[in-house]
Amino acid sequence: MNAFVEAITYYISEGIPVHISNFGTFEVRKRAARVSHDVHSREKILVGEQNIPVFRAGKALKLATKQELSDEDMVIETLSNMILEVQHHD
């Protein structure tokens, strides 16, 4: 599992979106600068532009989460596809 997370981290940090078929897409997006506030002092502070990691769930994952937990076959198939795709790209 560590290799999986490290691979995703590496690619998105290089600006390359990672698409895992039937699961979803990991990517980095820019969050614009904004004015926020310190919760303790209520002082306004400027938060600069930031890169943030984003995950968008794929259709199969969305469908799997809507079904009951007894439908393990779809979850197992999705995870198997993820592992095979990660191994294929290494």
C-alpha atoms as a PDB file:
ATOM      1  CA  MET A   1       0.000   0.000   0.000  1.00  0.00           C
ATOM      2  CA  ASN A   2       2.900   2.381   0.704  1.00  0.00           C
ATOM      3  CA  ALA A   3       4.179   1.998  -2.864  1.00  0.00           C
ATOM      4  CA  PHE A   4       0.691   2.856  -4.153  1.00  0.00           C
ATOM      5  CA  VAL A   5       0.516   6.051  -2.087  1.00  0.00           C
ATOM      6  CA  GLU A   6       4.101   6.989  -2.958  1.00  0.00           C
ATOM      7  CA  ALA A   7       3.411   6.539  -6.688  1.00  0.00           C
ATOM      8  CA  ILE A   8       0.300   8.725  -6.558  1.00  0.00           C
ATOM      9  CA  THR A   9       2.137  11.346  -4.497  1.00  0.00           C
ATOM     10  CA  TYR A  10       5.053  11.414  -6.929  1.00  0.00           C
ATOM     11  CA  TYR A  11       2.937  11.815 -10.065  1.00  0.00           C
ATOM     12  CA  ILE A  12       0.549  14.451  -8.738  1.00  0.00           C
ATOM     13  CA  SER A  13       3.465  16.423  -7.277  1.00  0.00           C
ATOM     14  CA  GLU A  14       4.894  16.486 -10.820  1.00  0.00           C
ATOM     15  CA  GLY A  15       1.572  17.841 -12.108  1.00  0.00           C
ATOM     16  CA  ILE A  16       0.514  14.536 -13.703  1.00  0.00           C
ATOM     17  CA  PRO A  17      -3.064  13.454 -12.863  1.00  0.00           C
ATOM     18  CA  VAL A  18      -3.403   9.792 -11.833  1.00  0.00           C
ATOM     19  CA  HIS A  19      -6.478   8.064 -13.274  1.00  0.00           C
ATOM     20  CA  ILE A  20      -7.368   4.648 -11.869  1.00  0.00           C
ATOM     21  CA  SER A  21      -9.962   2.961 -14.041  1.00  0.00           C
ATOM     22  CA  ASN A  22     -13.263   2.295 -12.233  1.00  0.00           C
ATOM     23  CA  PHE A  23     -11.965   4.054  -9.114  1.00  0.00           C
ATOM     24  CA  GLY A  24     -11.206   7.729  -9.686  1.00  0.00           C
ATOM     25  CA  THR A  25      -8.677  10.450 -10.419  1.00  0.00           C
ATOM     26  CA  PHE A  26      -6.097  12.098  -8.171  1.00  0.00           C
ATOM     27  CA  GLU A  27      -4.746  15.501  -9.197  1.00  0.00           C
ATOM     28  CA  VAL A  28      -3.462  18.824  -7.865  1.00  0.00           C
ATOM     29  CA  ARG A  29      -5.420  22.047  -8.248  1.00  0.00           C
ATOM     30  CA  LYS A  30      -4.548  25.609  -7.323  1.00  0.00           C
ATOM     31  CA  ARG A  31      -6.613  27.269  -4.613  1.00  0.00           C
ATOM     32  CA  ALA A  32      -6.738  31.041  -5.061  1.00  0.00           C
ATOM     33  CA  ALA A  33      -5.437  33.408  -2.407  1.00  0.00           C
ATOM     34  CA  ARG A  34      -8.115  34.462   0.044  1.00  0.00           C
ATOM     35  CA  VAL A  35      -8.766  36.378   3.231  1.00  0.00           C
ATOM     36  CA  SER A  36      -9.385  34.203   6.272  1.00  0.00           C
ATOM     37  CA  HIS A  37      -9.318  34.804  10.014  1.00  0.00           C
ATOM     38  CA  ASP A  38      -7.539  33.465  13.067  1.00  0.00           C
ATOM     39  CA  VAL A  39     -10.128  31.577  15.106  1.00  0.00           C
ATOM     40  CA  HIS A  40      -8.570  32.631  18.407  1.00  0.00           C
ATOM     41  CA  SER A  41      -7.894  36.329  17.831  1.00  0.00           C
ATOM     42  CA  ARG A  42     -10.447  36.856  15.024  1.00  0.00           C
ATOM     43  CA  GLU A  43      -7.762  38.807  13.218  1.00  0.00           C
ATOM     44  CA  LYS A  44      -7.998  38.790   9.407  1.00  0.00           C
ATOM     45  CA  ILE A  45      -5.120  37.078   7.649  1.00  0.00           C
ATOM     46  CA  LEU A  46      -4.221  36.659   3.998  1.00  0.00           C
ATOM     47  CA  VAL A  47      -3.775  33.038   2.915  1.00  0.00           C
ATOM     48  CA  GLY A  48      -1.699  32.800  -0.245  1.00  0.00           C
ATOM     49  CA  GLU A  49      -2.362  30.664  -3.297  1.00  0.00           C
ATOM     50  CA  GLN A  50      -1.947  26.949  -2.520  1.00  0.00           C
ATOM     51  CA  ASN A  51      -1.705  23.660  -4.387  1.00  0.00           C
ATOM     52  CA  ILE A  52      -4.199  21.165  -2.979  1.00  0.00           C
ATOM     53  CA  PRO A  53      -4.657  17.449  -3.722  1.00  0.00           C
ATOM     54  CA  VAL A  54      -8.064  16.540  -5.141  1.00  0.00           C
ATOM     55  CA  PHE A  55      -9.770  13.177  -5.651  1.00  0.00           C
ATOM     56  CA  ARG A  56     -12.752  12.662  -7.945  1.00  0.00           C
ATOM     57  CA  ALA A  57     -14.491   9.321  -7.535  1.00  0.00           C
ATOM     58  CA  GLY A  58     -15.123   7.304 -10.692  1.00  0.00           C
ATOM     59  CA  LYS A  59     -18.482   5.919 -11.744  1.00  0.00           C
ATOM     60  CA  ALA A  60     -17.844   2.366 -10.472  1.00  0.00           C
ATOM     61  CA  LEU A  61     -16.756   3.628  -7.037  1.00  0.00           C
ATOM     62  CA  LYS A  62     -19.818   5.856  -6.775  1.00  0.00           C
ATOM     63  CA  LEU A  63     -22.063   2.938  -7.693  1.00  0.00           C
ATOM     64  CA  ALA A  64     -20.302   0.619  -5.231  1.00  0.00           C
ATOM     65  CA  THR A  65     -20.815   3.058  -2.358  1.00  0.00           C
ATOM     66  CA  LYS A  66     -24.525   3.348  -3.118  1.00  0.00           C
ATOM     67  CA  GLN A  67     -25.013  -0.415  -2.904  1.00  0.00           C
ATOM     68  CA  GLU A  68     -25.172  -2.419   0.310  1.00  0.00           C
ATOM     69  CA  LEU A  69     -21.996  -3.782   1.854  1.00  0.00           C
ATOM     70  CA  SER A  70     -23.070  -7.323   0.949  1.00  0.00           C
ATOM     71  CA  ASP A  71     -22.138  -6.564  -2.675  1.00  0.00           C
ATOM     72  CA  GLU A  72     -18.439  -7.297  -2.088  1.00  0.00           C
ATOM     73  CA  ASP A  73     -17.812  -8.573  -5.616  1.00  0.00           C
ATOM     74  CA  MET A  74     -17.882  -5.091  -7.143  1.00  0.00           C
ATOM     75  CA  VAL A  75     -15.555  -3.707  -4.470  1.00  0.00           C
ATOM     76  CA  ILE A  76     -13.104  -6.602  -4.905  1.00  0.00           C
ATOM     77  CA  GLU A  77     -13.138  -6.188  -8.694  1.00  0.00           C
ATOM     78  CA  THR A  78     -12.498  -2.446  -8.399  1.00  0.00           C
ATOM     79  CA  LEU A  79      -9.574  -2.973  -6.014  1.00  0.00           C
ATOM     80  CA  SER A  80      -8.145  -5.718  -8.233  1.00  0.00           C
ATOM     81  CA  ASN A  81      -8.280  -3.404 -11.252  1.00  0.00           C
ATOM     82  CA  MET A  82      -6.521  -0.694  -9.237  1.00  0.00           C
ATOM     83  CA  ILE A  83      -3.690  -3.034  -8.257  1.00  0.00           C
ATOM     84  CA  LEU A  84      -3.277  -4.351 -11.794  1.00  0.00           C
ATOM     85  CA  GLU A  85      -3.182  -0.848 -13.255  1.00  0.00           C
ATOM     86  CA  VAL A  86      -0.620   0.358 -10.711  1.00  0.00           C
ATOM     87  CA  GLN A  87       1.571  -2.691 -11.399  1.00  0.00           C
ATOM     88  CA  HIS A  88       1.241  -2.091 -15.134  1.00  0.00           C
ATOM     89  CA  HIS A  89       2.535   1.490 -14.805  1.00  0.00           C
ATOM     90  CA  ASP A  90       5.533   0.590 -12.600  1.00  0.00           C
END
